[in-house]
C-alpha atoms as a PDB file:
ATOM      1  CA  MET A   1     -14.709   0.243  11.903  1.00  0.00           C
ATOM      2  CA  LEU A   2     -11.445   2.097  11.379  1.00  0.00           C
ATOM      3  CA  ALA A   3      -9.484  -0.613  13.185  1.00  0.00           C
ATOM      4  CA  VAL A   4     -10.974  -3.257  10.883  1.00  0.00           C
ATOM      5  CA  ALA A   5     -10.128  -1.146   7.831  1.00  0.00           C
ATOM      6  CA  LEU A   6      -6.524  -0.813   8.990  1.00  0.00           C
ATOM      7  CA  GLU A   7      -6.322  -4.559   9.532  1.00  0.00           C
ATOM      8  CA  GLY A   8      -7.579  -5.095   5.984  1.00  0.00           C
ATOM      9  CA  LEU A   9      -5.063  -2.597   4.642  1.00  0.00           C
ATOM     10  CA  GLU A  10      -2.269  -4.393   6.447  1.00  0.00           C
ATOM     11  CA  ASN A  11      -3.394  -7.689   4.902  1.00  0.00           C
ATOM     12  CA  ILE A  12      -3.459  -6.153   1.419  1.00  0.00           C
ATOM     13  CA  LEU A  13       0.034  -4.742   1.850  1.00  0.00           C
ATOM     14  CA  ALA A  14       1.294  -8.093   3.185  1.00  0.00           C
ATOM     15  CA  CYS A  15      -0.155  -9.838   0.143  1.00  0.00           C
ATOM     16  CA  GLY A  16       1.547  -7.292  -2.102  1.00  0.00           C
ATOM     17  CA  GLN A  17       4.843  -7.865  -0.317  1.00  0.00           C
ATOM     18  CA  LYS A  18       4.598 -11.594  -1.005  1.00  0.00           C
ATOM     19  CA  ASN A  19       3.068 -11.708  -4.469  1.00  0.00           C
ATOM     20  CA  TYR A  20       3.008  -8.345  -6.193  1.00  0.00           C
ATOM     21  CA  LEU A  21       6.455  -6.828  -6.417  1.00  0.00           C
ATOM     22  CA  ASN A  22       7.438  -4.715  -9.386  1.00  0.00           C
ATOM     23  CA  GLU A  23      10.661  -5.222 -11.337  1.00  0.00           C
ATOM     24  CA  ASP A  24      12.573  -3.143  -8.743  1.00  0.00           C
ATOM     25  CA  GLY A  25      11.343  -5.379  -5.923  1.00  0.00           C
ATOM     26  CA  ASP A  26       8.939  -2.776  -4.531  1.00  0.00           C
ATOM     27  CA  ASN A  27       5.457  -3.601  -3.234  1.00  0.00           C
ATOM     28  CA  LYS A  28       3.037  -2.415  -5.916  1.00  0.00           C
ATOM     29  CA  TYR A  29       0.293  -1.748  -3.365  1.00  0.00           C
ATOM     30  CA  ALA A  30       2.587   0.334  -1.159  1.00  0.00           C
ATOM     31  CA  LEU A  31       3.652   2.369  -4.187  1.00  0.00           C
ATOM     32  CA  LEU A  32       0.023   2.929  -5.111  1.00  0.00           C
ATOM     33  CA  MET A  33      -0.706   4.181  -1.593  1.00  0.00           C
ATOM     34  CA  GLU A  34       2.186   6.631  -1.819  1.00  0.00           C
ATOM     35  CA  GLN A  35       1.111   7.899  -5.250  1.00  0.00           C
ATOM     36  CA  THR A  36      -2.516   8.480  -4.244  1.00  0.00           C
ATOM     37  CA  GLY A  37      -1.756  10.215  -0.950  1.00  0.00           C
ATOM     38  CA  ALA A  38      -3.129   7.383   1.175  1.00  0.00           C
ATOM     39  CA  LEU A  39       0.185   7.165   3.006  1.00  0.00           C
ATOM     40  CA  ASP A  40      -0.345  10.759   4.183  1.00  0.00           C
ATOM     41  CA  ASP A  41      -3.727   9.755   5.569  1.00  0.00           C
ATOM     42  CA  LEU A  42      -2.140   6.823   7.328  1.00  0.00           C
ATOM     43  CA  GLU A  43       0.509   9.102   8.835  1.00  0.00           C
ATOM     44  CA  ASN A  44      -2.232  11.434  10.059  1.00  0.00           C
ATOM     45  CA  LEU A  45      -3.799   8.521  11.951  1.00  0.00           C
ATOM     46  CA  GLN A  46      -0.720   8.512  14.180  1.00  0.00           C
ATOM     47  CA  THR A  47      -2.318  11.460  15.974  1.00  0.00           C
ATOM     48  CA  HIS A  48      -5.622   9.649  16.505  1.00  0.00           C
ATOM     49  CA  PRO A  49      -6.817   9.755  20.135  1.00  0.00           C
ATOM     50  CA  ASN A  50      -7.579   6.014  20.150  1.00  0.00           C
ATOM     51  CA  HIS A  51      -4.357   4.166  20.992  1.00  0.00           C
ATOM     52  CA  THR A  52      -5.372   1.093  18.966  1.00  0.00           C
ATOM     53  CA  ILE A  53      -5.763   3.181  15.811  1.00  0.00           C
ATOM     54  CA  TYR A  54      -2.475   4.974  16.456  1.00  0.00           C
ATOM     55  CA  ALA A  55      -0.653   1.679  17.056  1.00  0.00           C
ATOM     56  CA  SER A  56      -2.120   0.050  13.936  1.00  0.00           C
ATOM     57  CA  ALA A  57      -1.137   2.986  11.735  1.00  0.00           C
ATOM     58  CA  LEU A  58       2.367   3.047  13.187  1.00  0.00           C
ATOM     59  CA  LYS A  59       2.769  -0.709  12.695  1.00  0.00           C
ATOM     60  CA  ILE A  60       1.754  -0.482   9.028  1.00  0.00           C
ATOM     61  CA  ILE A  61       4.085   2.439   8.357  1.00  0.00           C
ATOM     62  CA  ASP A  62       7.012   0.751  10.089  1.00  0.00           C
ATOM     63  CA  LYS A  63       6.424  -2.564   8.377  1.00  0.00           C
ATOM     64  CA  PHE A  64       5.762  -1.439   4.811  1.00  0.00           C
ATOM     65  CA  PHE A  65       7.005   2.130   4.365  1.00  0.00           C
ATOM     66  CA  SER A  66      10.128   2.667   6.459  1.00  0.00           C
ATOM     67  CA  GLU A  67      13.416   2.058   4.769  1.00  0.00           C
ATOM     68  CA  GLU A  68      15.903   0.243   6.930  1.00  0.00           C
ATOM     69  CA  ASP A  69      18.863   2.130   5.522  1.00  0.00           C
ATOM     70  CA  GLN A  70      17.163   5.492   6.037  1.00  0.00           C
ATOM     71  CA  ALA A  71      18.393   7.208   9.187  1.00  0.00           C
ATOM     72  CA  ASP A  72      15.823   8.620  11.585  1.00  0.00           C
ATOM     73  CA  PRO A  73      16.933  12.144  12.600  1.00  0.00           C
ATOM     74  CA  LEU A  74      15.220  11.921  15.997  1.00  0.00           C
ATOM     75  CA  MET A  75      16.834   8.601  16.832  1.00  0.00           C
ATOM     76  CA  ASN A  76      20.220   9.931  15.672  1.00  0.00           C
ATOM     77  CA  ALA A  77      19.836  12.916  18.012  1.00  0.00           C
ATOM     78  CA  ILE A  78      18.850  10.687  20.927  1.00  0.00           C
ATOM     79  CA  ASN A  79      21.723   8.292  20.295  1.00  0.00           C
ATOM     80  CA  HIS A  80      24.158  11.180  19.942  1.00  0.00           C
ATOM     81  CA  VAL A  81      23.205  12.576  23.368  1.00  0.00           C
ATOM     82  CA  GLN A  82      23.734   9.222  25.088  1.00  0.00           C
END
């Protein structure tokens, strides 16, 4: 049931990305999720024991909530060591 809910959430966010951007070009549905704390719940699902749930949550976060220009401290540390 949770996997189906995540699939539905991804579809809603995709629809928002296509059709419901605010004047700044931000997805209104993604902003709503951030404001209501739903993004925190989604981030918590990354620790779910079921790999499918974890992967779905990660995919949604990467696709709709990660900023491309925002540097990831962990990746910077890994790249610095190499």
